[in-house]
Amino acid sequence: MRLLASHRRRAIVPKPQPAAVAAALEIGYYATSVALDERDDAAVMAAIRGHWSGSENGTHNRRDVTFAEDAGRTASRPGAAALACFRNLAIGLYELQKERQRTQADSLRAWCQRQTFTSVWPLLNA
């Protein structure tokens, strides 16, 4: 196992005054099964950036765009986790229906707007 420490700078842009940008140094720690001689540092860093890009631009972006998740202000962590599970379930059901060509909806948002409990319940029992 290979353990890595990655130093990076992150720009902090305050909301009221975007002109006053500060930088913060962060250290990220990663574990990988890739041997030292298999990949160089640039390839490992590209894999780390690709992982975060996929996470941020994949499920998280879909949850935020469709369900306005970042705007939600759920007070309890368990409640927020439960809502995230339901949102992930909705994304999964939509993708499954799309793969099986059982929906005409062209987007997750459009599909969700058409659903009711009685239309989704059979999907959960299939």
Foldseek 3Di string as FASTA:
>chain_A
DDKDKDWDKDWDQDDVHRVDIDIDIDIDMDDDPDDPVRDDPVVVVVVVVVVVCCVCVPPVVLCCVQVVLVPDDDPDPVVNVVVSVVSVVLVVLVVVCVVVVNDPDPGSNRVVVPDDCVVCVVVVVD
